Amino acid sequence: MALCKPVFSAPLGADTPTSCCFSYISRQIPQNFIADYFETSSQCSKPGVIFLTKRGRQVCADPSMEWVQKYVSDLELSA
């Protein structure tokens, strides 16, 4: 499982750290484990979707994967 590490790579004047993904989870996680998500900043070296689990963990996923896109879509519809 690839967990996210916060990286302090915010632009000058910004006071919020940016979370970036340096690796992705290698397997699909059960959708019922997911509580929410957010996308990584465009300032990160690689794109990513960070899923927040119901247990409070952050998991980096590859946004080009079909299951990731489905989870994001489902979360948007339920919001």
PDB file of N, CA and C in Angstrom:
ATOM      1  N   MET A   1       0.851  -1.163   0.000  1.00  0.00           N
ATOM      2  CA  MET A   1       0.000   0.000   0.000  1.00  0.00           C
ATOM      3  C   MET A   1       0.898   1.228   0.000  1.00  0.00           C
ATOM      4  N   ALA A   2       0.627   2.180  -0.854  1.00  0.00           N
ATOM      5  CA  ALA A   2       1.409   3.405  -0.915  1.00  0.00           C
ATOM      6  C   ALA A   2       0.698   4.479  -0.116  1.00  0.00           C
ATOM      7  N   LEU A   3       1.310   4.940   0.917  1.00  0.00           N
ATOM      8  CA  LEU A   3       0.742   6.022   1.693  1.00  0.00           C
ATOM      9  C   LEU A   3       1.348   7.329   1.221  1.00  0.00           C
ATOM     10  N   CYS A   4       0.630   8.405   1.401  1.00  0.00           N
ATOM     11  CA  CYS A   4       1.096   9.708   0.934  1.00  0.00           C
ATOM     12  C   CYS A   4       1.952  10.366   1.996  1.00  0.00           C
ATOM     13  N   LYS A   5       2.883  11.137   1.525  1.00  0.00           N
ATOM     14  CA  LYS A   5       3.703  11.923   2.424  1.00  0.00           C
ATOM     15  C   LYS A   5       3.469  13.392   2.102  1.00  0.00           C
ATOM     16  N   PRO A   6       3.163  14.216   3.100  1.00  0.00           N
ATOM     17  CA  PRO A   6       2.999  15.632   2.811  1.00  0.00           C
ATOM     18  C   PRO A   6       4.336  16.236   2.392  1.00  0.00           C
ATOM     19  N   VAL A   7       4.290  17.041   1.389  1.00  0.00           N
ATOM     20  CA  VAL A   7       5.490  17.696   0.889  1.00  0.00           C
ATOM     21  C   VAL A   7       5.249  19.188   0.946  1.00  0.00           C
ATOM     22  N   PHE A   8       6.205  19.910   1.457  1.00  0.00           N
ATOM     23  CA  PHE A   8       6.043  21.343   1.578  1.00  0.00           C
ATOM     24  C   PHE A   8       6.563  22.026   0.325  1.00  0.00           C
ATOM     25  N   SER A   9       5.717  21.999  -0.709  1.00  0.00           N
ATOM     26  CA  SER A   9       6.110  22.581  -1.984  1.00  0.00           C
ATOM     27  C   SER A   9       5.042  23.549  -2.467  1.00  0.00           C
ATOM     28  N   ALA A  10       4.611  24.398  -1.587  1.00  0.00           N
ATOM     29  CA  ALA A  10       3.583  25.375  -1.933  1.00  0.00           C
ATOM     30  C   ALA A  10       4.234  26.625  -2.508  1.00  0.00           C
ATOM     31  N   PRO A  11       3.502  27.364  -3.340  1.00  0.00           N
ATOM     32  CA  PRO A  11       4.055  28.596  -3.896  1.00  0.00           C
ATOM     33  C   PRO A  11       4.275  29.634  -2.807  1.00  0.00           C
ATOM     34  N   LEU A  12       5.102  30.609  -3.108  1.00  0.00           N
ATOM     35  CA  LEU A  12       5.362  31.686  -2.155  1.00  0.00           C
ATOM     36  C   LEU A  12       4.053  32.352  -1.764  1.00  0.00           C
ATOM     37  N   GLY A  13       3.901  32.621  -0.502  1.00  0.00           N
ATOM     38  CA  GLY A  13       2.701  33.274  -0.027  1.00  0.00           C
ATOM     39  C   GLY A  13       1.603  32.295   0.367  1.00  0.00           C
ATOM     40  N   ALA A  14       1.719  31.061  -0.057  1.00  0.00           N
ATOM     41  CA  ALA A  14       0.716  30.064   0.323  1.00  0.00           C
ATOM     42  C   ALA A  14       1.103  29.494   1.678  1.00  0.00           C
ATOM     43  N   ASP A  15       0.117  29.239   2.506  1.00  0.00           N
ATOM     44  CA  ASP A  15       0.443  28.721   3.829  1.00  0.00           C
ATOM     45  C   ASP A  15      -0.111  27.321   4.062  1.00  0.00           C
ATOM     46  N   THR A  16      -0.469  26.632   2.986  1.00  0.00           N
ATOM     47  CA  THR A  16      -0.963  25.268   3.107  1.00  0.00           C
ATOM     48  C   THR A  16       0.012  24.310   2.443  1.00  0.00           C
ATOM     49  N   PRO A  17       0.498  23.300   3.157  1.00  0.00           N
ATOM     50  CA  PRO A  17       1.381  22.324   2.521  1.00  0.00           C
ATOM     51  C   PRO A  17       0.626  21.537   1.453  1.00  0.00           C
ATOM     52  N   THR A  18       1.352  21.041   0.485  1.00  0.00           N
ATOM     53  CA  THR A  18       0.779  20.290  -0.619  1.00  0.00           C
ATOM     54  C   THR A  18       1.115  18.815  -0.452  1.00  0.00           C
ATOM     55  N   SER A  19       0.124  17.950  -0.618  1.00  0.00           N
ATOM     56  CA  SER A  19       0.375  16.509  -0.586  1.00  0.00           C
ATOM     57  C   SER A  19       0.634  16.030  -1.998  1.00  0.00           C
ATOM     58  N   CYS A  20       1.701  15.275  -2.163  1.00  0.00           N
ATOM     59  CA  CYS A  20       2.062  14.717  -3.462  1.00  0.00           C
ATOM     60  C   CYS A  20       2.205  13.206  -3.337  1.00  0.00           C
ATOM     61  N   CYS A  21       1.975  12.516  -4.442  1.00  0.00           N
ATOM     62  CA  CYS A  21       2.164  11.069  -4.495  1.00  0.00           C
ATOM     63  C   CYS A  21       3.472  10.763  -5.207  1.00  0.00           C
ATOM     64  N   PHE A  22       4.279   9.915  -4.620  1.00  0.00           N
ATOM     65  CA  PHE A  22       5.528   9.484  -5.253  1.00  0.00           C
ATOM     66  C   PHE A  22       5.428   8.038  -5.720  1.00  0.00           C
ATOM     67  N   SER A  23       4.414   7.339  -5.238  1.00  0.00           N
ATOM     68  CA  SER A  23       4.117   5.988  -5.716  1.00  0.00           C
ATOM     69  C   SER A  23       2.625   5.769  -5.526  1.00  0.00           C
ATOM     70  N   TYR A  24       2.104   4.791  -6.266  1.00  0.00           N
ATOM     71  CA  TYR A  24       0.679   4.503  -6.213  1.00  0.00           C
ATOM     72  C   TYR A  24       0.437   3.143  -5.569  1.00  0.00           C
ATOM     73  N   ILE A  25      -0.751   2.975  -5.012  1.00  0.00           N
ATOM     74  CA  ILE A  25      -1.135   1.672  -4.483  1.00  0.00           C
ATOM     75  C   ILE A  25      -1.122   0.678  -5.647  1.00  0.00           C
ATOM     76  N   SER A  26      -0.630  -0.519  -5.395  1.00  0.00           N
ATOM     77  CA  SER A  26      -0.444  -1.489  -6.479  1.00  0.00           C
ATOM     78  C   SER A  26      -1.692  -2.316  -6.773  1.00  0.00           C
ATOM     79  N   ARG A  27      -2.676  -2.270  -5.899  1.00  0.00           N
ATOM     80  CA  ARG A  27      -3.895  -3.053  -6.132  1.00  0.00           C
ATOM     81  C   ARG A  27      -5.117  -2.221  -5.762  1.00  0.00           C
ATOM     82  N   GLN A  28      -6.228  -2.618  -6.304  1.00  0.00           N
ATOM     83  CA  GLN A  28      -7.484  -1.928  -6.022  1.00  0.00           C
ATOM     84  C   GLN A  28      -7.887  -2.171  -4.575  1.00  0.00           C
ATOM     85  N   ILE A  29      -8.321  -1.113  -3.908  1.00  0.00           N
ATOM     86  CA  ILE A  29      -8.809  -1.262  -2.539  1.00  0.00           C
ATOM     87  C   ILE A  29     -10.341  -1.287  -2.568  1.00  0.00           C
ATOM     88  N   PRO A  30     -10.968  -1.951  -1.621  1.00  0.00           N
ATOM     89  CA  PRO A  30     -12.433  -2.018  -1.615  1.00  0.00           C
ATOM     90  C   PRO A  30     -13.059  -0.622  -1.516  1.00  0.00           C
ATOM     91  N   GLN A  31     -14.052  -0.386  -2.349  1.00  0.00           N
ATOM     92  CA  GLN A  31     -14.673   0.935  -2.406  1.00  0.00           C
ATOM     93  C   GLN A  31     -15.322   1.316  -1.079  1.00  0.00           C
ATOM     94  N   ASN A  32     -15.796   0.342  -0.326  1.00  0.00           N
ATOM     95  CA  ASN A  32     -16.445   0.667   0.949  1.00  0.00           C
ATOM     96  C   ASN A  32     -15.448   1.108   2.027  1.00  0.00           C
ATOM     97  N   PHE A  33     -14.147   1.049   1.745  1.00  0.00           N
ATOM     98  CA  PHE A  33     -13.134   1.565   2.671  1.00  0.00           C
ATOM     99  C   PHE A  33     -12.960   3.075   2.515  1.00  0.00           C
ATOM    100  N   ILE A  34     -13.448   3.633   1.394  1.00  0.00           N
ATOM    101  CA  ILE A  34     -13.164   5.019   1.031  1.00  0.00           C
ATOM    102  C   ILE A  34     -14.213   5.969   1.592  1.00  0.00           C
ATOM    103  N   ALA A  35     -13.751   7.045   2.243  1.00  0.00           N
ATOM    104  CA  ALA A  35     -14.652   8.058   2.780  1.00  0.00           C
ATOM    105  C   ALA A  35     -14.675   9.305   1.902  1.00  0.00           C
ATOM    106  N   ASP A  36     -13.534   9.659   1.311  1.00  0.00           N
ATOM    107  CA  ASP A  36     -13.433  10.888   0.522  1.00  0.00           C
ATOM    108  C   ASP A  36     -12.173  10.818  -0.325  1.00  0.00           C
ATOM    109  N   TYR A  37     -11.936  11.851  -1.115  1.00  0.00           N
ATOM    110  CA  TYR A  37     -10.738  11.899  -1.954  1.00  0.00           C
ATOM    111  C   TYR A  37     -10.381  13.348  -2.251  1.00  0.00           C
ATOM    112  N   PHE A  38      -9.159  13.561  -2.683  1.00  0.00           N
ATOM    113  CA  PHE A  38      -8.776  14.829  -3.291  1.00  0.00           C
ATOM    114  C   PHE A  38      -7.668  14.557  -4.285  1.00  0.00           C
ATOM    115  N   GLU A  39      -7.511  15.473  -5.226  1.00  0.00           N
ATOM    116  CA  GLU A  39      -6.474  15.335  -6.241  1.00  0.00           C
ATOM    117  C   GLU A  39      -5.232  16.080  -5.784  1.00  0.00           C
ATOM    118  N   THR A  40      -4.078  15.576  -6.178  1.00  0.00           N
ATOM    119  CA  THR A  40      -2.833  16.240  -5.816  1.00  0.00           C
ATOM    120  C   THR A  40      -2.689  17.532  -6.614  1.00  0.00           C
ATOM    121  N   SER A  41      -1.839  18.392  -6.134  1.00  0.00           N
ATOM    122  CA  SER A  41      -1.596  19.679  -6.779  1.00  0.00           C
ATOM    123  C   SER A  41      -0.899  19.504  -8.121  1.00  0.00           C
ATOM    124  N   SER A  42      -1.116  20.439  -9.009  1.00  0.00           N
ATOM    125  CA  SER A  42      -0.416  20.433 -10.297  1.00  0.00           C
ATOM    126  C   SER A  42       1.073  20.702 -10.111  1.00  0.00           C
ATOM    127  N   GLN A  43       1.469  21.146  -8.929  1.00  0.00           N
ATOM    128  CA  GLN A  43       2.884  21.389  -8.642  1.00  0.00           C
ATOM    129  C   GLN A  43       3.635  20.095  -8.321  1.00  0.00           C
ATOM    130  N   CYS A  44       2.920  19.017  -8.110  1.00  0.00           N
ATOM    131  CA  CYS A  44       3.559  17.731  -7.811  1.00  0.00           C
ATOM    132  C   CYS A  44       4.190  17.154  -9.074  1.00  0.00           C
ATOM    133  N   SER A  45       5.206  16.324  -8.899  1.00  0.00           N
ATOM    134  CA  SER A  45       5.929  15.761 -10.039  1.00  0.00           C
ATOM    135  C   SER A  45       5.102  14.748 -10.817  1.00  0.00           C
ATOM    136  N   LYS A  46       4.129  14.093 -10.172  1.00  0.00           N
ATOM    137  CA  LYS A  46       3.247  13.165 -10.883  1.00  0.00           C
ATOM    138  C   LYS A  46       1.827  13.351 -10.375  1.00  0.00           C
ATOM    139  N   PRO A  47       0.846  13.167 -11.260  1.00  0.00           N
ATOM    140  CA  PRO A  47      -0.542  13.337 -10.832  1.00  0.00           C
ATOM    141  C   PRO A  47      -0.955  12.225  -9.879  1.00  0.00           C
ATOM    142  N   GLY A  48      -1.933  12.496  -9.065  1.00  0.00           N
ATOM    143  CA  GLY A  48      -2.414  11.471  -8.155  1.00  0.00           C
ATOM    144  C   GLY A  48      -3.776  11.803  -7.589  1.00  0.00           C
ATOM    145  N   VAL A  49      -4.467  10.770  -7.175  1.00  0.00           N
ATOM    146  CA  VAL A  49      -5.710  10.904  -6.422  1.00  0.00           C
ATOM    147  C   VAL A  49      -5.417  10.327  -5.049  1.00  0.00           C
ATOM    148  N   ILE A  50      -5.718  11.092  -4.025  1.00  0.00           N
ATOM    149  CA  ILE A  50      -5.490  10.631  -2.660  1.00  0.00           C
ATOM    150  C   ILE A  50      -6.844  10.285  -2.053  1.00  0.00           C
ATOM    151  N   PHE A  51      -7.026   9.000  -1.806  1.00  0.00           N
ATOM    152  CA  PHE A  51      -8.251   8.544  -1.162  1.00  0.00           C
ATOM    153  C   PHE A  51      -8.055   8.602   0.344  1.00  0.00           C
ATOM    154  N   LEU A  52      -9.073   9.096   1.042  1.00  0.00           N
ATOM    155  CA  LEU A  52      -9.074   9.114   2.497  1.00  0.00           C
ATOM    156  C   LEU A  52      -9.933   7.942   2.946  1.00  0.00           C
ATOM    157  N   THR A  53      -9.341   7.048   3.715  1.00  0.00           N
ATOM    158  CA  THR A  53     -10.093   5.873   4.156  1.00  0.00           C
ATOM    159  C   THR A  53     -10.917   6.202   5.397  1.00  0.00           C
ATOM    160  N   LYS A  54     -11.856   5.343   5.691  1.00  0.00           N
ATOM    161  CA  LYS A  54     -12.702   5.527   6.868  1.00  0.00           C
ATOM    162  C   LYS A  54     -11.899   5.406   8.156  1.00  0.00           C
ATOM    163  N   ARG A  55     -10.702   4.821   8.074  1.00  0.00           N
ATOM    164  CA  ARG A  55      -9.823   4.713   9.250  1.00  0.00           C
ATOM    165  C   ARG A  55      -8.833   5.868   9.335  1.00  0.00           C
ATOM    166  N   GLY A  56      -8.967   6.847   8.439  1.00  0.00           N
ATOM    167  CA  GLY A  56      -8.142   8.041   8.512  1.00  0.00           C
ATOM    168  C   GLY A  56      -6.828   7.982   7.758  1.00  0.00           C
ATOM    169  N   ARG A  57      -6.609   6.948   6.967  1.00  0.00           N
ATOM    170  CA  ARG A  57      -5.376   6.852   6.185  1.00  0.00           C
ATOM    171  C   ARG A  57      -5.538   7.551   4.849  1.00  0.00           C
ATOM    172  N   GLN A  58      -4.414   7.972   4.292  1.00  0.00           N
ATOM    173  CA  GLN A  58      -4.387   8.553   2.954  1.00  0.00           C
ATOM    174  C   GLN A  58      -3.669   7.576   2.037  1.00  0.00           C
ATOM    175  N   VAL A  59      -4.313   7.254   0.917  1.00  0.00           N
ATOM    176  CA  VAL A  59      -3.775   6.279  -0.017  1.00  0.00           C
ATOM    177  C   VAL A  59      -3.673   6.919  -1.393  1.00  0.00           C
ATOM    178  N   CYS A  60      -2.488   6.867  -1.978  1.00  0.00           N
ATOM    179  CA  CYS A  60      -2.269   7.433  -3.311  1.00  0.00           C
ATOM    180  C   CYS A  60      -2.668   6.425  -4.382  1.00  0.00           C
ATOM    181  N   ALA A  61      -3.413   6.909  -5.374  1.00  0.00           N
ATOM    182  CA  ALA A  61      -3.847   6.053  -6.476  1.00  0.00           C
ATOM    183  C   ALA A  61      -3.571   6.749  -7.803  1.00  0.00           C
ATOM    184  N   ASP A  62      -3.376   5.944  -8.833  1.00  0.00           N
ATOM    185  CA  ASP A  62      -3.094   6.434 -10.181  1.00  0.00           C
ATOM    186  C   ASP A  62      -4.396   6.906 -10.825  1.00  0.00           C
ATOM    187  N   PRO A  63      -4.497   8.202 -11.159  1.00  0.00           N
ATOM    188  CA  PRO A  63      -5.743   8.724 -11.721  1.00  0.00           C
ATOM    189  C   PRO A  63      -6.085   8.172 -13.104  1.00  0.00           C
ATOM    190  N   SER A  64      -5.152   7.499 -13.759  1.00  0.00           N
ATOM    191  CA  SER A  64      -5.449   6.931 -15.075  1.00  0.00           C
ATOM    192  C   SER A  64      -6.089   5.540 -14.979  1.00  0.00           C
ATOM    193  N   MET A  65      -6.108   4.959 -13.787  1.00  0.00           N
ATOM    194  CA  MET A  65      -6.701   3.628 -13.607  1.00  0.00           C
ATOM    195  C   MET A  65      -8.233   3.729 -13.615  1.00  0.00           C
ATOM    196  N   GLU A  66      -8.856   2.762 -14.265  1.00  0.00           N
ATOM    197  CA  GLU A  66     -10.317   2.782 -14.407  1.00  0.00           C
ATOM    198  C   GLU A  66     -11.031   2.740 -13.055  1.00  0.00           C
ATOM    199  N   TRP A  67     -10.557   1.919 -12.120  1.00  0.00           N
ATOM    200  CA  TRP A  67     -11.222   1.820 -10.821  1.00  0.00           C
ATOM    201  C   TRP A  67     -11.123   3.125 -10.038  1.00  0.00           C
ATOM    202  N   VAL A  68     -10.017   3.841 -10.197  1.00  0.00           N
ATOM    203  CA  VAL A  68      -9.837   5.128  -9.510  1.00  0.00           C
ATOM    204  C   VAL A  68     -10.852   6.130 -10.057  1.00  0.00           C
ATOM    205  N   GLN A  69     -10.982   6.180 -11.374  1.00  0.00           N
ATOM    206  CA  GLN A  69     -11.942   7.088 -12.000  1.00  0.00           C
ATOM    207  C   GLN A  69     -13.374   6.766 -11.573  1.00  0.00           C
ATOM    208  N   LYS A  70     -13.700   5.479 -11.447  1.00  0.00           N
ATOM    209  CA  LYS A  70     -15.042   5.082 -11.006  1.00  0.00           C
ATOM    210  C   LYS A  70     -15.290   5.521  -9.566  1.00  0.00           C
ATOM    211  N   TYR A  71     -14.318   5.306  -8.684  1.00  0.00           N
ATOM    212  CA  TYR A  71     -14.478   5.711  -7.286  1.00  0.00           C
ATOM    213  C   TYR A  71     -14.677   7.219  -7.181  1.00  0.00           C
ATOM    214  N   VAL A  72     -13.879   7.982  -7.932  1.00  0.00           N
ATOM    215  CA  VAL A  72     -13.990   9.446  -7.909  1.00  0.00           C
ATOM    216  C   VAL A  72     -15.378   9.860  -8.397  1.00  0.00           C
ATOM    217  N   SER A  73     -15.824   9.268  -9.488  1.00  0.00           N
ATOM    218  CA  SER A  73     -17.145   9.582 -10.040  1.00  0.00           C
ATOM    219  C   SER A  73     -18.247   9.260  -9.031  1.00  0.00           C
ATOM    220  N   ASP A  74     -18.160   8.102  -8.408  1.00  0.00           N
ATOM    221  CA  ASP A  74     -19.163   7.705  -7.419  1.00  0.00           C
ATOM    222  C   ASP A  74     -19.165   8.647  -6.214  1.00  0.00           C
ATOM    223  N   LEU A  75     -17.987   9.068  -5.776  1.00  0.00           N
ATOM    224  CA  LEU A  75     -17.903  10.001  -4.648  1.00  0.00           C
ATOM    225  C   LEU A  75     -18.492  11.358  -5.015  1.00  0.00           C
ATOM    226  N   GLU A  76     -18.276  11.796  -6.245  1.00  0.00           N
ATOM    227  CA  GLU A  76     -18.842  13.067  -6.705  1.00  0.00           C
ATOM    228  C   GLU A  76     -20.370  12.997  -6.729  1.00  0.00           C
ATOM    229  N   LEU A  77     -20.910  11.882  -7.190  1.00  0.00           N
ATOM    230  CA  LEU A  77     -22.364  11.729  -7.274  1.00  0.00           C
ATOM    231  C   LEU A  77     -23.013  11.665  -5.897  1.00  0.00           C
ATOM    232  N   SER A  78     -22.297  11.145  -4.918  1.00  0.00           N
ATOM    233  CA  SER A  78     -22.869  11.007  -3.577  1.00  0.00           C
ATOM    234  C   SER A  78     -22.654  12.252  -2.717  1.00  0.00           C
ATOM    235  N   ALA A  79     -21.913  13.220  -3.234  1.00  0.00           N
ATOM    236  CA  ALA A  79     -21.616  14.443  -2.454  1.00  0.00           C
ATOM    237  C   ALA A  79     -22.807  15.379  -2.408  1.00  0.00           C
TER     238      ALA A  79
END
